[in-house]
Protein backbone atom coordinates (compact mmCIF):
# COMPACT_ATOMS: atom_id res chain seq x y z
CA MET A 1 -28.73 -34.17 52.92
CA ASN A 2 -28.86 -31.15 55.05
CA LYS A 3 -28.87 -27.93 53.91
CA CYS A 4 -28.15 -24.81 56.12
CA THR A 5 -28.65 -21.36 55.78
CA ARG A 6 -26.83 -18.69 57.80
CA PHE A 7 -28.01 -14.95 58.20
CA PHE A 8 -26.18 -12.42 59.35
CA ALA A 9 -27.59 -10.09 61.56
CA THR A 10 -26.70 -6.81 63.61
CA ILE A 11 -28.11 -6.62 67.01
CA SER A 12 -28.84 -3.01 68.46
CA ILE A 13 -27.10 -0.49 68.57
CA SER A 14 -23.84 -2.09 69.54
CA LEU A 15 -23.27 -3.14 66.41
CA SER A 16 -22.26 -6.55 67.37
CA LEU A 17 -22.45 -9.42 64.59
CA MET A 18 -24.53 -12.60 65.76
CA THR A 19 -24.36 -15.84 63.06
CA ILE A 20 -27.88 -17.85 63.20
CA SER A 21 -28.31 -20.77 61.29
CA ALA A 22 -31.69 -22.06 59.90
CA CYS A 23 -31.31 -25.65 58.84
CA SER A 24 -33.89 -27.85 57.02
CA TRP A 25 -33.62 -31.70 56.36
CA SER A 26 -34.72 -32.68 52.84
CA GLN A 27 -37.03 -35.65 52.62
CA PRO A 28 -35.16 -38.80 50.86
CA VAL A 29 -36.73 -38.78 47.08
CA ASN A 30 -38.51 -42.19 45.98
CA LEU A 31 -36.60 -42.99 42.66
CA ALA A 32 -39.13 -45.11 41.27
CA LEU A 33 -42.22 -42.83 41.73
CA GLY A 34 -43.88 -42.33 38.19
CA LYS A 35 -41.17 -44.33 36.33
CA ALA A 36 -41.68 -47.22 34.00
CA VAL A 37 -42.04 -50.81 35.27
CA GLN A 38 -42.72 -54.44 34.56
CA ALA A 39 -43.62 -57.32 36.17
CA SER A 40 -43.57 -61.12 35.48
CA SER A 41 -47.39 -60.98 35.44
CA PHE A 42 -50.62 -59.13 36.81
CA GLU A 43 -54.02 -60.15 38.15
CA ASN A 44 -56.55 -59.34 35.44
CA ALA A 45 -59.92 -57.88 36.41
CA ASN A 46 -62.42 -60.24 38.09
CA THR A 47 -65.23 -59.94 40.26
CA HIS A 48 -62.95 -60.42 43.40
CA SER A 49 -61.28 -57.16 42.10
CA GLY A 50 -64.10 -54.99 41.28
CA GLY A 51 -63.33 -54.91 37.66
CA ILE A 52 -59.73 -53.62 38.15
CA ASP A 53 -56.65 -55.06 36.60
CA PHE A 54 -53.91 -54.89 39.24
CA ILE A 55 -50.89 -53.99 36.70
CA ALA A 56 -47.48 -52.74 37.63
CA ASP A 57 -47.68 -49.42 37.43
CA TYR A 58 -49.98 -49.31 40.61
CA ALA A 59 -46.69 -50.48 42.40
CA VAL A 60 -45.02 -46.79 41.55
CA ASP A 61 -47.84 -44.29 41.33
CA GLY A 62 -47.17 -43.17 44.86
CA LYS A 63 -50.91 -43.90 46.10
CA ALA A 64 -51.44 -46.25 48.99
CA ASN A 65 -54.79 -47.11 47.76
CA THR A 66 -53.86 -48.67 44.29
CA ARG A 67 -51.91 -52.13 43.93
CA TRP A 68 -49.75 -54.45 41.69
CA ALA A 69 -51.16 -58.25 42.34
CA SER A 70 -49.51 -61.11 40.12
CA ASP A 71 -51.36 -63.81 38.60
CA TRP A 72 -51.66 -66.57 40.74
CA HIS A 73 -54.79 -68.17 39.16
CA GLY A 74 -53.38 -70.09 36.36
CA ASP A 75 -49.48 -70.03 37.27
CA PRO A 76 -48.18 -73.55 37.67
CA ASP A 77 -45.11 -71.93 40.23
CA LYS A 78 -47.10 -69.34 41.97
CA ASP A 79 -44.38 -68.76 44.44
CA LYS A 80 -41.97 -67.32 41.69
CA ALA A 81 -43.25 -63.81 40.40
CA TRP A 82 -41.03 -60.69 40.06
CA ILE A 83 -41.55 -56.53 39.71
CA SER A 84 -38.92 -54.13 38.38
CA VAL A 85 -38.73 -50.53 37.89
CA ASP A 86 -36.44 -48.61 35.49
CA LEU A 87 -35.11 -45.20 37.25
CA GLY A 88 -34.59 -43.76 34.13
CA ARG A 89 -30.38 -43.23 34.87
CA GLU A 90 -27.94 -44.78 36.65
CA GLU A 91 -28.40 -43.92 40.52
CA THR A 92 -26.92 -45.03 43.75
CA VAL A 93 -29.25 -47.06 45.55
CA SER A 94 -29.31 -47.21 49.31
CA GLU A 95 -32.54 -48.72 50.74
CA VAL A 96 -36.07 -50.04 49.11
CA ARG A 97 -39.36 -49.69 50.85
CA ILE A 98 -41.81 -52.34 49.77
CA LEU A 99 -45.49 -51.62 51.60
CA TRP A 100 -47.73 -54.98 51.34
CA GLU A 101 -51.45 -55.60 50.66
CA ASP A 102 -52.13 -58.89 52.74
CA SER A 103 -50.44 -61.35 50.23
CA TYR A 104 -46.82 -60.77 50.95
CA ALA A 105 -43.63 -62.74 50.34
CA LYS A 106 -42.26 -65.02 52.92
CA LYS A 107 -38.76 -64.64 51.24
CA PHE A 108 -37.80 -61.97 48.14
CA ALA A 109 -34.53 -60.22 47.05
CA ILE A 110 -33.78 -57.26 46.07
CA LEU A 111 -31.83 -57.43 42.39
CA LEU A 112 -30.04 -54.33 40.84
CA SER A 113 -28.60 -54.00 37.39
CA LEU A 114 -27.20 -51.23 35.14
CA ASP A 115 -28.34 -52.80 31.93
CA GLY A 116 -31.37 -54.87 32.91
CA GLN A 117 -30.04 -57.69 31.49
CA ASP A 118 -27.48 -58.85 34.33
CA TRP A 119 -28.66 -59.16 37.94
CA ALA A 120 -26.61 -58.69 40.90
CA THR A 121 -28.39 -59.71 44.28
CA ALA A 122 -28.25 -56.53 47.01
CA ALA A 123 -30.08 -58.29 49.49
CA GLU A 124 -32.12 -61.63 50.35
CA ILE A 125 -34.72 -61.63 53.14
CA GLU A 126 -36.48 -64.20 54.83
CA ASN A 127 -39.48 -63.92 57.17
CA PRO A 128 -40.03 -60.16 56.60
CA ARG A 129 -42.81 -59.54 58.91
CA ALA A 130 -40.01 -59.89 61.59
CA MET A 131 -38.12 -56.91 60.11
CA ALA A 132 -40.97 -54.81 59.48
CA ILE A 133 -39.99 -51.47 61.24
CA LYS A 134 -43.20 -49.06 61.15
CA SER A 135 -45.77 -51.68 60.35
CA PRO A 136 -45.99 -55.60 59.67
CA ARG A 137 -47.11 -54.44 55.95
CA GLN A 138 -43.86 -52.22 55.43
CA ASN A 139 -40.53 -53.35 54.94
CA ILE A 140 -37.55 -51.08 54.65
CA VAL A 141 -34.61 -52.84 53.34
CA LYS A 142 -30.88 -50.93 53.38
CA LEU A 143 -28.42 -52.08 51.48
CA ASP A 144 -25.47 -52.51 53.59
CA ASN A 145 -23.40 -50.96 50.81
CA PRO A 146 -25.14 -48.41 48.63
CA GLN A 147 -24.78 -49.19 44.93
CA LYS A 148 -25.00 -47.73 41.48
CA ALA A 149 -28.00 -49.76 39.31
CA ARG A 150 -30.74 -48.29 36.83
CA TYR A 151 -32.63 -51.39 37.24
CA VAL A 152 -34.22 -52.34 40.67
CA LYS A 153 -35.88 -55.50 41.03
CA LEU A 154 -38.08 -57.40 43.60
CA ASP A 155 -37.78 -61.21 43.01
CA LEU A 156 -40.45 -62.46 44.72
CA ARG A 157 -39.50 -66.62 46.10
CA LYS A 158 -41.99 -67.57 48.48
CA ARG A 159 -45.64 -66.71 48.97
CA ALA A 160 -47.07 -66.11 52.90
CA THR A 161 -50.46 -66.74 51.71
CA GLY A 162 -52.63 -68.82 49.07
CA TYR A 163 -52.70 -66.19 46.63
CA GLY A 164 -50.45 -64.51 44.42
CA TYR A 165 -48.48 -61.41 45.63
CA SER A 166 -49.66 -58.06 46.08
CA LEU A 167 -48.10 -54.76 46.96
CA PHE A 168 -49.53 -51.50 47.09
CA GLU A 169 -46.09 -49.32 46.70
CA PHE A 170 -42.68 -50.65 46.10
CA GLU A 171 -40.07 -47.40 46.50
CA VAL A 172 -36.52 -47.08 45.73
CA TYR A 173 -34.17 -44.61 47.29
């Protein structure tokens, strides 16, 4: 949203009045930042992870050096996983951004809900690397029709690697 402030200034002795506009554009607000998050699973601490659990909270902490990873070790259906954020109140959702680690999804969907129980598909994505804008690791999914939701779920449907899914950030705008 653009915010403009008008200033009125008197120029020299002639007392003519001139209008000067100073505009500032605010950055969009990540509605998921620091909010409550759940996931179908997470990768437990192990020697590969340096003893760190890759919990869902890391996907909404605003840090590009922490990450959530799904558990892929003992899960019989390793392709099915999800992560969901509670925005705390009903918001208009127009965009979802995902910053992947190497273990990204070949196929995923963005689901929205007002109550956390009934989900509607807002977008389905196949071959996300082809749609990557800023980097092959980032997907920006702009919804065709912004929608009201309190809960936003990233429904992961097909892995691109032999590991589980792993993402640094799950952002909602």
